[in-house]
Amino acid sequence: MRFSIAIITLSAALTSVLASPINLVARQRGYITLCSDDLLEGECEDMGITIGTCRNLPSRLQDELSSFDTYGYRCQFFTDLTCSGRNDEWTGRHTNLRDTEWNDEKSSVQCFFGPSG
């Protein structure tokens, strides 16, 4: 009987620990979506990212990007390869860059978690 109570107590303790909320960072997608046309259409690619690491956009999307979704990552997009040139920070879904100075301008990106600081 005591053994059963000990097992039940241990199970309850483990369940409460294992059920604790997971940090949002652990649930992020690990990629951003990039598209050549507005409304996330045309040629699209899910590009894997590593936090804080510069990535050149896929060659077919360099200077062709018209919409994208960062899925909550804070991403610095650059006009030139290797994260150089003019840059601007974007977060979330942007479905029409055609009405901005950034349409068909992006060539590389560096993404981070959390708010800008």
PDB file of N, CA and C in Angstrom:
ATOM      1  N   MET A   1       0.823  -1.190   0.000  1.00  0.00           N
ATOM      2  CA  MET A   1       0.000   0.000   0.000  1.00  0.00           C
ATOM      3  C   MET A   1       0.868   1.256   0.000  1.00  0.00           C
ATOM      4  N   ARG A   2       1.895   1.268   0.879  1.00  0.00           N
ATOM      5  CA  ARG A   2       2.771   2.442   0.923  1.00  0.00           C
ATOM      6  C   ARG A   2       3.483   2.637  -0.408  1.00  0.00           C
ATOM      7  N   PHE A   3       3.854   1.516  -1.052  1.00  0.00           N
ATOM      8  CA  PHE A   3       4.518   1.586  -2.343  1.00  0.00           C
ATOM      9  C   PHE A   3       3.607   2.261  -3.373  1.00  0.00           C
ATOM     10  N   SER A   4       2.302   1.928  -3.362  1.00  0.00           N
ATOM     11  CA  SER A   4       1.333   2.517  -4.288  1.00  0.00           C
ATOM     12  C   SER A   4       1.191   4.008  -4.051  1.00  0.00           C
ATOM     13  N   ILE A   5       1.141   4.421  -2.792  1.00  0.00           N
ATOM     14  CA  ILE A   5       1.032   5.842  -2.461  1.00  0.00           C
ATOM     15  C   ILE A   5       2.285   6.580  -2.933  1.00  0.00           C
ATOM     16  N   ALA A   6       3.439   5.977  -2.739  1.00  0.00           N
ATOM     17  CA  ALA A   6       4.689   6.606  -3.180  1.00  0.00           C
ATOM     18  C   ALA A   6       4.707   6.764  -4.696  1.00  0.00           C
ATOM     19  N   ILE A   7       4.266   5.766  -5.428  1.00  0.00           N
ATOM     20  CA  ILE A   7       4.223   5.827  -6.898  1.00  0.00           C
ATOM     21  C   ILE A   7       3.253   6.908  -7.353  1.00  0.00           C
ATOM     22  N   ILE A   8       2.084   6.968  -6.731  1.00  0.00           N
ATOM     23  CA  ILE A   8       1.087   7.981  -7.092  1.00  0.00           C
ATOM     24  C   ILE A   8       1.632   9.378  -6.813  1.00  0.00           C
ATOM     25  N   THR A   9       2.260   9.561  -5.660  1.00  0.00           N
ATOM     26  CA  THR A   9       2.836  10.863  -5.312  1.00  0.00           C
ATOM     27  C   THR A   9       3.927  11.255  -6.304  1.00  0.00           C
ATOM     28  N   LEU A  10       4.800  10.325  -6.635  1.00  0.00           N
ATOM     29  CA  LEU A  10       5.868  10.593  -7.593  1.00  0.00           C
ATOM     30  C   LEU A  10       5.292  10.922  -8.965  1.00  0.00           C
ATOM     31  N   SER A  11       4.279  10.191  -9.389  1.00  0.00           N
ATOM     32  CA  SER A  11       3.637  10.446 -10.683  1.00  0.00           C
ATOM     33  C   SER A  11       3.017  11.835 -10.725  1.00  0.00           C
ATOM     34  N   ALA A  12       2.349  12.228  -9.647  1.00  0.00           N
ATOM     35  CA  ALA A  12       1.732  13.552  -9.590  1.00  0.00           C
ATOM     36  C   ALA A  12       2.790  14.646  -9.664  1.00  0.00           C
ATOM     37  N   ALA A  13       3.891  14.456  -8.961  1.00  0.00           N
ATOM     38  CA  ALA A  13       4.967  15.450  -8.979  1.00  0.00           C
ATOM     39  C   ALA A  13       5.576  15.568 -10.374  1.00  0.00           C
ATOM     40  N   LEU A  14       5.852  14.446 -11.014  1.00  0.00           N
ATOM     41  CA  LEU A  14       6.429  14.470 -12.359  1.00  0.00           C
ATOM     42  C   LEU A  14       5.473  15.078 -13.370  1.00  0.00           C
ATOM     43  N   THR A  15       4.187  14.776 -13.246  1.00  0.00           N
ATOM     44  CA  THR A  15       3.200  15.322 -14.167  1.00  0.00           C
ATOM     45  C   THR A  15       3.150  16.833 -14.075  1.00  0.00           C
ATOM     46  N   SER A  16       3.189  17.378 -12.868  1.00  0.00           N
ATOM     47  CA  SER A  16       3.134  18.834 -12.731  1.00  0.00           C
ATOM     48  C   SER A  16       4.393  19.489 -13.282  1.00  0.00           C
ATOM     49  N   VAL A  17       5.534  18.851 -13.133  1.00  0.00           N
ATOM     50  CA  VAL A  17       6.777  19.402 -13.687  1.00  0.00           C
ATOM     51  C   VAL A  17       6.760  19.323 -15.202  1.00  0.00           C
ATOM     52  N   LEU A  18       6.370  18.179 -15.733  1.00  0.00           N
ATOM     53  CA  LEU A  18       6.367  17.998 -17.179  1.00  0.00           C
ATOM     54  C   LEU A  18       5.278  18.806 -17.866  1.00  0.00           C
ATOM     55  N   ALA A  19       4.236  19.189 -17.151  1.00  0.00           N
ATOM     56  CA  ALA A  19       3.143  19.949 -17.738  1.00  0.00           C
ATOM     57  C   ALA A  19       3.381  21.448 -17.689  1.00  0.00           C
ATOM     58  N   SER A  20       4.478  21.886 -17.113  1.00  0.00           N
ATOM     59  CA  SER A  20       4.731  23.322 -17.037  1.00  0.00           C
ATOM     60  C   SER A  20       4.889  23.892 -18.438  1.00  0.00           C
ATOM     61  N   PRO A  21       4.519  25.166 -18.637  1.00  0.00           N
ATOM     62  CA  PRO A  21       4.549  25.759 -19.976  1.00  0.00           C
ATOM     63  C   PRO A  21       5.953  25.742 -20.576  1.00  0.00           C
ATOM     64  N   ILE A  22       6.002  25.504 -21.869  1.00  0.00           N
ATOM     65  CA  ILE A  22       7.271  25.528 -22.591  1.00  0.00           C
ATOM     66  C   ILE A  22       7.540  26.956 -23.033  1.00  0.00           C
ATOM     67  N   ASN A  23       8.755  27.377 -22.924  1.00  0.00           N
ATOM     68  CA  ASN A  23       9.149  28.703 -23.370  1.00  0.00           C
ATOM     69  C   ASN A  23       8.818  28.859 -24.853  1.00  0.00           C
ATOM     70  N   LEU A  24       8.293  30.024 -25.251  1.00  0.00           N
ATOM     71  CA  LEU A  24       7.920  30.290 -26.633  1.00  0.00           C
ATOM     72  C   LEU A  24       9.090  30.062 -27.581  1.00  0.00           C
ATOM     73  N   VAL A  25      10.291  30.377 -27.147  1.00  0.00           N
ATOM     74  CA  VAL A  25      11.471  30.214 -27.996  1.00  0.00           C
ATOM     75  C   VAL A  25      11.583  28.776 -28.476  1.00  0.00           C
ATOM     76  N   ALA A  26      11.292  27.827 -27.631  1.00  0.00           N
ATOM     77  CA  ALA A  26      11.400  26.422 -28.000  1.00  0.00           C
ATOM     78  C   ALA A  26      10.347  26.012 -29.024  1.00  0.00           C
ATOM     79  N   ARG A  27       9.270  26.786 -29.142  1.00  0.00           N
ATOM     80  CA  ARG A  27       8.198  26.438 -30.067  1.00  0.00           C
ATOM     81  C   ARG A  27       8.283  27.187 -31.390  1.00  0.00           C
ATOM     82  N   GLN A  28       9.229  28.087 -31.582  1.00  0.00           N
ATOM     83  CA  GLN A  28       9.358  28.822 -32.840  1.00  0.00           C
ATOM     84  C   GLN A  28       9.572  27.847 -33.983  1.00  0.00           C
ATOM     85  N   ARG A  29       9.235  28.260 -35.176  1.00  0.00           N
ATOM     86  CA  ARG A  29       9.269  27.391 -36.348  1.00  0.00           C
ATOM     87  C   ARG A  29      10.668  27.017 -36.816  1.00  0.00           C
ATOM     88  N   GLY A  30      11.628  27.908 -36.742  1.00  0.00           N
ATOM     89  CA  GLY A  30      12.961  27.611 -37.259  1.00  0.00           C
ATOM     90  C   GLY A  30      13.143  28.022 -38.708  1.00  0.00           C
ATOM     91  N   TYR A  31      12.145  28.677 -39.277  1.00  0.00           N
ATOM     92  CA  TYR A  31      12.255  29.162 -40.657  1.00  0.00           C
ATOM     93  C   TYR A  31      11.371  30.388 -40.847  1.00  0.00           C
ATOM     94  N   ILE A  32      11.618  31.106 -41.930  1.00  0.00           N
ATOM     95  CA  ILE A  32      10.756  32.196 -42.367  1.00  0.00           C
ATOM     96  C   ILE A  32      10.306  31.863 -43.789  1.00  0.00           C
ATOM     97  N   THR A  33       9.169  32.412 -44.202  1.00  0.00           N
ATOM     98  CA  THR A  33       8.655  32.166 -45.548  1.00  0.00           C
ATOM     99  C   THR A  33       8.891  33.397 -46.406  1.00  0.00           C
ATOM    100  N   LEU A  34       9.453  33.190 -47.583  1.00  0.00           N
ATOM    101  CA  LEU A  34       9.795  34.266 -48.514  1.00  0.00           C
ATOM    102  C   LEU A  34       9.102  33.999 -49.847  1.00  0.00           C
ATOM    103  N   CYS A  35       8.486  35.045 -50.458  1.00  0.00           N
ATOM    104  CA  CYS A  35       7.770  34.857 -51.727  1.00  0.00           C
ATOM    105  C   CYS A  35       8.078  35.980 -52.714  1.00  0.00           C
ATOM    106  N   SER A  36       8.061  35.625 -53.996  1.00  0.00           N
ATOM    107  CA  SER A  36       8.384  36.583 -55.054  1.00  0.00           C
ATOM    108  C   SER A  36       7.220  37.508 -55.391  1.00  0.00           C
ATOM    109  N   ASP A  37       5.988  37.114 -55.093  1.00  0.00           N
ATOM    110  CA  ASP A  37       4.815  37.937 -55.394  1.00  0.00           C
ATOM    111  C   ASP A  37       4.129  38.359 -54.103  1.00  0.00           C
ATOM    112  N   ASP A  38       3.210  39.323 -54.230  1.00  0.00           N
ATOM    113  CA  ASP A  38       2.463  39.752 -53.055  1.00  0.00           C
ATOM    114  C   ASP A  38       1.528  38.629 -52.594  1.00  0.00           C
ATOM    115  N   LEU A  39       0.962  38.788 -51.420  1.00  0.00           N
ATOM    116  CA  LEU A  39       0.023  37.842 -50.809  1.00  0.00           C
ATOM    117  C   LEU A  39       0.623  36.458 -50.578  1.00  0.00           C
ATOM    118  N   LEU A  40       1.942  36.406 -50.372  1.00  0.00           N
ATOM    119  CA  LEU A  40       2.662  35.151 -50.138  1.00  0.00           C
ATOM    120  C   LEU A  40       2.414  34.149 -51.263  1.00  0.00           C
ATOM    121  N   GLU A  41       2.494  34.652 -52.499  1.00  0.00           N
ATOM    122  CA  GLU A  41       2.305  33.815 -53.683  1.00  0.00           C
ATOM    123  C   GLU A  41       3.515  33.926 -54.601  1.00  0.00           C
ATOM    124  N   GLY A  42       3.433  33.279 -55.752  1.00  0.00           N
ATOM    125  CA  GLY A  42       4.558  33.226 -56.683  1.00  0.00           C
ATOM    126  C   GLY A  42       5.529  32.153 -56.232  1.00  0.00           C
ATOM    127  N   GLU A  43       6.805  32.368 -56.491  1.00  0.00           N
ATOM    128  CA  GLU A  43       7.821  31.424 -56.006  1.00  0.00           C
ATOM    129  C   GLU A  43       8.029  31.679 -54.526  1.00  0.00           C
ATOM    130  N   CYS A  44       7.763  30.680 -53.702  1.00  0.00           N
ATOM    131  CA  CYS A  44       7.924  30.812 -52.251  1.00  0.00           C
ATOM    132  C   CYS A  44       8.904  29.768 -51.739  1.00  0.00           C
ATOM    133  N   GLU A  45       9.569  30.119 -50.662  1.00  0.00           N
ATOM    134  CA  GLU A  45      10.486  29.168 -50.034  1.00  0.00           C
ATOM    135  C   GLU A  45      10.490  29.388 -48.529  1.00  0.00           C
ATOM    136  N   ASP A  46      10.448  28.294 -47.781  1.00  0.00           N
ATOM    137  CA  ASP A  46      10.648  28.341 -46.337  1.00  0.00           C
ATOM    138  C   ASP A  46      12.148  28.237 -46.114  1.00  0.00           C
ATOM    139  N   MET A  47      12.746  29.332 -45.664  1.00  0.00           N
ATOM    140  CA  MET A  47      14.193  29.373 -45.477  1.00  0.00           C
ATOM    141  C   MET A  47      14.525  29.164 -44.006  1.00  0.00           C
ATOM    142  N   GLY A  48      15.285  28.126 -43.712  1.00  0.00           N
ATOM    143  CA  GLY A  48      15.711  27.862 -42.346  1.00  0.00           C
ATOM    144  C   GLY A  48      16.603  28.978 -41.828  1.00  0.00           C
ATOM    145  N   ILE A  49      16.463  29.282 -40.546  1.00  0.00           N
ATOM    146  CA  ILE A  49      17.288  30.330 -39.945  1.00  0.00           C
ATOM    147  C   ILE A  49      17.957  29.803 -38.683  1.00  0.00           C
ATOM    148  N   THR A  50      19.066  30.410 -38.368  1.00  0.00           N
ATOM    149  CA  THR A  50      19.755  30.209 -37.100  1.00  0.00           C
ATOM    150  C   THR A  50      19.824  31.581 -36.458  1.00  0.00           C
ATOM    151  N   ILE A  51      19.336  31.698 -35.238  1.00  0.00           N
ATOM    152  CA  ILE A  51      19.253  32.990 -34.568  1.00  0.00           C
ATOM    153  C   ILE A  51      20.610  33.691 -34.571  1.00  0.00           C
ATOM    154  N   GLY A  52      20.588  34.964 -35.026  1.00  0.00           N
ATOM    155  CA  GLY A  52      21.783  35.800 -35.017  1.00  0.00           C
ATOM    156  C   GLY A  52      22.755  35.547 -36.152  1.00  0.00           C
ATOM    157  N   THR A  53      22.427  34.625 -37.059  1.00  0.00           N
ATOM    158  CA  THR A  53      23.323  34.294 -38.166  1.00  0.00           C
ATOM    159  C   THR A  53      22.811  34.904 -39.463  1.00  0.00           C
ATOM    160  N   CYS A  54      23.696  35.553 -40.197  1.00  0.00           N
ATOM    161  CA  CYS A  54      23.334  36.127 -41.491  1.00  0.00           C
ATOM    162  C   CYS A  54      23.107  35.018 -42.504  1.00  0.00           C
ATOM    163  N   ARG A  55      22.034  35.155 -43.272  1.00  0.00           N
ATOM    164  CA  ARG A  55      21.751  34.205 -44.363  1.00  0.00           C
ATOM    165  C   ARG A  55      21.458  34.991 -45.628  1.00  0.00           C
ATOM    166  N   ASN A  56      22.064  34.614 -46.723  1.00  0.00           N
ATOM    167  CA  ASN A  56      21.685  35.169 -48.013  1.00  0.00           C
ATOM    168  C   ASN A  56      20.369  34.530 -48.426  1.00  0.00           C
ATOM    169  N   LEU A  57      19.477  35.317 -49.018  1.00  0.00           N
ATOM    170  CA  LEU A  57      18.236  34.763 -49.530  1.00  0.00           C
ATOM    171  C   LEU A  57      18.560  33.790 -50.663  1.00  0.00           C
ATOM    172  N   PRO A  58      17.686  32.814 -50.914  1.00  0.00           N
ATOM    173  CA  PRO A  58      17.907  31.922 -52.056  1.00  0.00           C
ATOM    174  C   PRO A  58      18.098  32.757 -53.324  1.00  0.00           C
ATOM    175  N   SER A  59      18.981  32.344 -54.201  1.00  0.00           N
ATOM    176  CA  SER A  59      19.352  33.166 -55.359  1.00  0.00           C
ATOM    177  C   SER A  59      18.143  33.590 -56.187  1.00  0.00           C
ATOM    178  N   ARG A  60      17.146  32.736 -56.333  1.00  0.00           N
ATOM    179  CA  ARG A  60      15.984  33.103 -57.149  1.00  0.00           C
ATOM    180  C   ARG A  60      15.103  34.164 -56.488  1.00  0.00           C
ATOM    181  N   LEU A  61      15.306  34.416 -55.184  1.00  0.00           N
ATOM    182  CA  LEU A  61      14.513  35.432 -54.485  1.00  0.00           C
ATOM    183  C   LEU A  61      15.311  36.695 -54.163  1.00  0.00           C
ATOM    184  N   GLN A  62      16.615  36.689 -54.403  1.00  0.00           N
ATOM    185  CA  GLN A  62      17.413  37.889 -54.147  1.00  0.00           C
ATOM    186  C   GLN A  62      16.941  39.000 -55.084  1.00  0.00           C
ATOM    187  N   ASP A  63      16.659  40.148 -54.510  1.00  0.00           N
ATOM    188  CA  ASP A  63      16.137  41.308 -55.247  1.00  0.00           C
ATOM    189  C   ASP A  63      14.819  41.002 -55.961  1.00  0.00           C
ATOM    190  N   GLU A  64      14.074  40.020 -55.478  1.00  0.00           N
ATOM    191  CA  GLU A  64      12.777  39.644 -56.055  1.00  0.00           C
ATOM    192  C   GLU A  64      11.691  39.521 -54.992  1.00  0.00           C
ATOM    193  N   LEU A  65      11.997  39.789 -53.741  1.00  0.00           N
ATOM    194  CA  LEU A  65      11.082  39.530 -52.627  1.00  0.00           C
ATOM    195  C   LEU A  65       9.961  40.567 -52.579  1.00  0.00           C
ATOM    196  N   SER A  66       8.704  40.086 -52.584  1.00  0.00           N
ATOM    197  CA  SER A  66       7.548  40.984 -52.512  1.00  0.00           C
ATOM    198  C   SER A  66       6.626  40.699 -51.334  1.00  0.00           C
ATOM    199  N   SER A  67       6.817  39.566 -50.650  1.00  0.00           N
ATOM    200  CA  SER A  67       6.050  39.283 -49.433  1.00  0.00           C
ATOM    201  C   SER A  67       6.797  38.232 -48.621  1.00  0.00           C
ATOM    202  N   PHE A  68       6.534  38.234 -47.304  1.00  0.00           N
ATOM    203  CA  PHE A  68       7.208  37.271 -46.426  1.00  0.00           C
ATOM    204  C   PHE A  68       6.493  37.186 -45.092  1.00  0.00           C
ATOM    205  N   ASP A  69       6.821  36.152 -44.322  1.00  0.00           N
ATOM    206  CA  ASP A  69       6.314  35.995 -42.959  1.00  0.00           C
ATOM    207  C   ASP A  69       7.475  35.533 -42.085  1.00  0.00           C
ATOM    208  N   THR A  70       7.750  36.291 -41.021  1.00  0.00           N
ATOM    209  CA  THR A  70       8.839  35.931 -40.102  1.00  0.00           C
ATOM    210  C   THR A  70       8.339  35.094 -38.931  1.00  0.00           C
ATOM    211  N   TYR A  71       7.042  34.882 -38.838  1.00  0.00           N
ATOM    212  CA  TYR A  71       6.435  34.063 -37.778  1.00  0.00           C
ATOM    213  C   TYR A  71       6.879  34.498 -36.383  1.00  0.00           C
ATOM    214  N   GLY A  72       6.981  35.799 -36.173  1.00  0.00           N
ATOM    215  CA  GLY A  72       7.321  36.311 -34.848  1.00  0.00           C
ATOM    216  C   GLY A  72       8.788  36.579 -34.626  1.00  0.00           C
ATOM    217  N   TYR A  73       9.648  36.071 -35.499  1.00  0.00           N
ATOM    218  CA  TYR A  73      11.061  36.438 -35.383  1.00  0.00           C
ATOM    219  C   TYR A  73      11.206  37.912 -35.738  1.00  0.00           C
ATOM    220  N   ARG A  74      12.192  38.551 -35.169  1.00  0.00           N
ATOM    221  CA  ARG A  74      12.552  39.932 -35.503  1.00  0.00           C
ATOM    222  C   ARG A  74      13.706  39.830 -36.493  1.00  0.00           C
ATOM    223  N   CYS A  75      13.456  40.212 -37.747  1.00  0.00           N
ATOM    224  CA  CYS A  75      14.451  40.000 -38.808  1.00  0.00           C
ATOM    225  C   CYS A  75      14.922  41.319 -39.410  1.00  0.00           C
ATOM    226  N   GLN A  76      16.208  41.435 -39.543  1.00  0.00           N
ATOM    227  CA  GLN A  76      16.850  42.569 -40.194  1.00  0.00           C
ATOM    228  C   GLN A  76      17.130  42.142 -41.636  1.00  0.00           C
ATOM    229  N   PHE A  77      16.456  42.788 -42.598  1.00  0.00           N
ATOM    230  CA  PHE A  77      16.678  42.490 -44.015  1.00  0.00           C
ATOM    231  C   PHE A  77      17.650  43.509 -44.593  1.00  0.00           C
ATOM    232  N   PHE A  78      18.514  43.045 -45.492  1.00  0.00           N
ATOM    233  CA  PHE A  78      19.558  43.886 -46.083  1.00  0.00           C
ATOM    234  C   PHE A  78      19.441  43.889 -47.604  1.00  0.00           C
ATOM    235  N   THR A  79      19.834  45.012 -48.219  1.00  0.00           N
ATOM    236  CA  THR A  79      19.767  45.125 -49.676  1.00  0.00           C
ATOM    237  C   THR A  79      20.867  44.338 -50.373  1.00  0.00           C
ATOM    238  N   ASP A  80      21.962  44.058 -49.678  1.00  0.00           N
ATOM    239  CA  ASP A  80      23.093  43.373 -50.302  1.00  0.00           C
ATOM    240  C   ASP A  80      23.347  42.027 -49.624  1.00  0.00           C
ATOM    241  N   LEU A  81      24.150  41.202 -50.277  1.00  0.00           N
ATOM    242  CA  LEU A  81      24.516  39.903 -49.724  1.00  0.00           C
ATOM    243  C   LEU A  81      25.350  40.064 -48.462  1.00  0.00           C
ATOM    244  N   THR A  82      25.463  39.021 -47.684  1.00  0.00           N
ATOM    245  CA  THR A  82      26.240  38.944 -46.436  1.00  0.00           C
ATOM    246  C   THR A  82      25.870  40.040 -45.439  1.00  0.00           C
ATOM    247  N   CYS A  83      24.581  40.368 -45.397  1.00  0.00           N
ATOM    248  CA  CYS A  83      24.025  41.338 -44.432  1.00  0.00           C
ATOM    249  C   CYS A  83      24.755  42.674 -44.477  1.00  0.00           C
ATOM    250  N   SER A  84      24.869  43.201 -45.666  1.00  0.00           N
ATOM    251  CA  SER A  84      25.462  44.528 -45.841  1.00  0.00           C
ATOM    252  C   SER A  84      24.502  45.385 -46.661  1.00  0.00           C
ATOM    253  N   GLY A  85      24.797  46.668 -46.701  1.00  0.00           N
ATOM    254  CA  GLY A  85      23.941  47.602 -47.423  1.00  0.00           C
ATOM    255  C   GLY A  85      22.834  48.145 -46.541  1.00  0.00           C
ATOM    256  N   ARG A  86      21.905  48.825 -47.177  1.00  0.00           N
ATOM    257  CA  ARG A  86      20.771  49.422 -46.472  1.00  0.00           C
ATOM    258  C   ARG A  86      19.966  48.311 -45.813  1.00  0.00           C
ATOM    259  N   ASN A  87      19.453  48.579 -44.604  1.00  0.00           N
ATOM    260  CA  ASN A  87      18.704  47.531 -43.897  1.00  0.00           C
ATOM    261  C   ASN A  87      17.545  48.117 -43.110  1.00  0.00           C
ATOM    262  N   ASP A  88      16.609  47.244 -42.791  1.00  0.00           N
ATOM    263  CA  ASP A  88      15.442  47.628 -42.007  1.00  0.00           C
ATOM    264  C   ASP A  88      14.941  46.384 -41.272  1.00  0.00           C
ATOM    265  N   GLU A  89      14.332  46.606 -40.121  1.00  0.00           N
ATOM    266  CA  GLU A  89      13.844  45.503 -39.287  1.00  0.00           C
ATOM    267  C   GLU A  89      12.364  45.251 -39.545  1.00  0.00           C
ATOM    268  N   TRP A  90      12.004  43.973 -39.644  1.00  0.00           N
ATOM    269  CA  TRP A  90      10.622  43.568 -39.891  1.00  0.00           C
ATOM    270  C   TRP A  90      10.268  42.393 -38.979  1.00  0.00           C
ATOM    271  N   THR A  91       9.016  42.345 -38.547  1.00  0.00           N
ATOM    272  CA  THR A  91       8.504  41.229 -37.752  1.00  0.00           C
ATOM    273  C   THR A  91       7.118  40.871 -38.271  1.00  0.00           C
ATOM    274  N   GLY A  92       6.830  39.591 -38.362  1.00  0.00           N
ATOM    275  CA  GLY A  92       5.486  39.149 -38.720  1.00  0.00           C
ATOM    276  C   GLY A  92       5.269  38.976 -40.211  1.00  0.00           C
ATOM    277  N   ARG A  93       4.000  39.069 -40.597  1.00  0.00           N
ATOM    278  CA  ARG A  93       3.572  38.820 -41.980  1.00  0.00           C
ATOM    279  C   ARG A  93       3.463  40.142 -42.733  1.00  0.00           C
ATOM    280  N   HIS A  94       4.100  40.190 -43.893  1.00  0.00           N
ATOM    281  CA  HIS A  94       4.041  41.368 -44.772  1.00  0.00           C
ATOM    282  C   HIS A  94       3.702  40.865 -46.168  1.00  0.00           C
ATOM    283  N   THR A  95       2.473  41.172 -46.612  1.00  0.00           N
ATOM    284  CA  THR A  95       1.965  40.554 -47.831  1.00  0.00           C
ATOM    285  C   THR A  95       2.064  41.421 -49.080  1.00  0.00           C
ATOM    286  N   ASN A  96       2.527  42.668 -48.953  1.00  0.00           N
ATOM    287  CA  ASN A  96       2.618  43.498 -50.154  1.00  0.00           C
ATOM    288  C   ASN A  96       3.710  44.550 -50.007  1.00  0.00           C
ATOM    289  N   LEU A  97       4.911  44.192 -50.397  1.00  0.00           N
ATOM    290  CA  LEU A  97       6.008  45.165 -50.381  1.00  0.00           C
ATOM    291  C   LEU A  97       6.010  46.030 -51.632  1.00  0.00           C
ATOM    292  N   ARG A  98       5.130  45.743 -52.577  1.00  0.00           N
ATOM    293  CA  ARG A  98       5.114  46.478 -53.843  1.00  0.00           C
ATOM    294  C   ARG A  98       4.826  47.959 -53.655  1.00  0.00           C
ATOM    295  N   ASP A  99       4.154  48.309 -52.579  1.00  0.00           N
ATOM    296  CA  ASP A  99       3.843  49.712 -52.313  1.00  0.00           C
ATOM    297  C   ASP A  99       4.890  50.374 -51.423  1.00  0.00           C
ATOM    298  N   THR A 100       6.025  49.719 -51.227  1.00  0.00           N
ATOM    299  CA  THR A 100       7.071  50.267 -50.362  1.00  0.00           C
ATOM    300  C   THR A 100       8.378  50.394 -51.142  1.00  0.00           C
ATOM    301  N   GLU A 101       9.334  51.077 -50.549  1.00  0.00           N
ATOM    302  CA  GLU A 101      10.659  51.199 -51.164  1.00  0.00           C
ATOM    303  C   GLU A 101      11.450  49.897 -51.066  1.00  0.00           C
ATOM    304  N   TRP A 102      10.910  48.891 -50.379  1.00  0.00           N
ATOM    305  CA  TRP A 102      11.622  47.634 -50.149  1.00  0.00           C
ATOM    306  C   TRP A 102      11.263  46.540 -51.141  1.00  0.00           C
ATOM    307  N   ASN A 103      10.327  46.772 -52.045  1.00  0.00           N
ATOM    308  CA  ASN A 103       9.961  45.728 -53.005  1.00  0.00           C
ATOM    309  C   ASN A 103      11.155  45.375 -53.892  1.00  0.00           C
ATOM    310  N   ASP A 104      11.413  44.090 -54.035  1.00  0.00           N
ATOM    311  CA  ASP A 104      12.514  43.590 -54.875  1.00  0.00           C
ATOM    312  C   ASP A 104      13.862  44.189 -54.484  1.00  0.00           C
ATOM    313  N   GLU A 105      14.068  44.428 -53.184  1.00  0.00           N
ATOM    314  CA  GLU A 105      15.296  45.061 -52.704  1.00  0.00           C
ATOM    315  C   GLU A 105      16.115  44.178 -51.772  1.00  0.00           C
ATOM    316  N   LYS A 106      15.545  43.119 -51.248  1.00  0.00           N
ATOM    317  CA  LYS A 106      16.207  42.362 -50.176  1.00  0.00           C
ATOM    318  C   LYS A 106      17.076  41.230 -50.733  1.00  0.00           C
ATOM    319  N   SER A 107      18.269  41.070 -50.141  1.00  0.00           N
ATOM    320  CA  SER A 107      19.188  40.012 -50.587  1.00  0.00           C
ATOM    321  C   SER A 107      19.690  39.123 -49.456  1.00  0.00           C
ATOM    322  N   SER A 108      19.619  39.613 -48.213  1.00  0.00           N
ATOM    323  CA  SER A 108      20.086  38.808 -47.078  1.00  0.00           C
ATOM    324  C   SER A 108      19.298  39.189 -45.832  1.00  0.00           C
ATOM    325  N   VAL A 109      19.396  38.335 -44.802  1.00  0.00           N
ATOM    326  CA  VAL A 109      18.589  38.532 -43.596  1.00  0.00           C
ATOM    327  C   VAL A 109      19.313  37.963 -42.380  1.00  0.00           C
ATOM    328  N   GLN A 110      19.045  38.580 -41.237  1.00  0.00           N
ATOM    329  CA  GLN A 110      19.543  38.092 -39.948  1.00  0.00           C
ATOM    330  C   GLN A 110      18.384  38.203 -38.965  1.00  0.00           C
ATOM    331  N   CYS A 111      18.028  37.100 -38.305  1.00  0.00           N
ATOM    332  CA  CYS A 111      16.846  37.078 -37.435  1.00  0.00           C
ATOM    333  C   CYS A 111      17.206  36.835 -35.974  1.00  0.00           C
ATOM    334  N   PHE A 112      16.344  37.364 -35.097  1.00  0.00           N
ATOM    335  CA  PHE A 112      16.528  37.283 -33.652  1.00  0.00           C
ATOM    336  C   PHE A 112      15.186  36.995 -32.999  1.00  0.00           C
ATOM    337  N   PHE A 113      15.208  36.623 -31.716  1.00  0.00           N
ATOM    338  CA  PHE A 113      14.004  36.481 -30.911  1.00  0.00           C
ATOM    339  C   PHE A 113      13.706  37.805 -30.230  1.00  0.00           C
ATOM    340  N   GLY A 114      12.452  38.007 -29.882  1.00  0.00           N
ATOM    341  CA  GLY A 114      12.064  39.090 -28.995  1.00  0.00           C
ATOM    342  C   GLY A 114      12.069  40.467 -29.606  1.00  0.00           C
ATOM    343  N   PRO A 115      11.714  41.459 -28.768  1.00  0.00           N
ATOM    344  CA  PRO A 115      11.606  42.840 -29.237  1.00  0.00           C
ATOM    345  C   PRO A 115      12.974  43.438 -29.535  1.00  0.00           C
ATOM    346  N   SER A 116      12.952  44.457 -30.381  1.00  0.00           N
ATOM    347  CA  SER A 116      14.213  45.138 -30.696  1.00  0.00           C
ATOM    348  C   SER A 116      14.688  45.870 -29.459  1.00  0.00           C
ATOM    349  N   GLY A 117      15.946  46.084 -29.389  1.00  0.00           N
ATOM    350  CA  GLY A 117      16.440  46.700 -28.175  1.00  0.00           C
ATOM    351  C   GLY A 117      17.621  47.481 -28.447  1.00  0.00           C
TER     352      GLY A 117
END
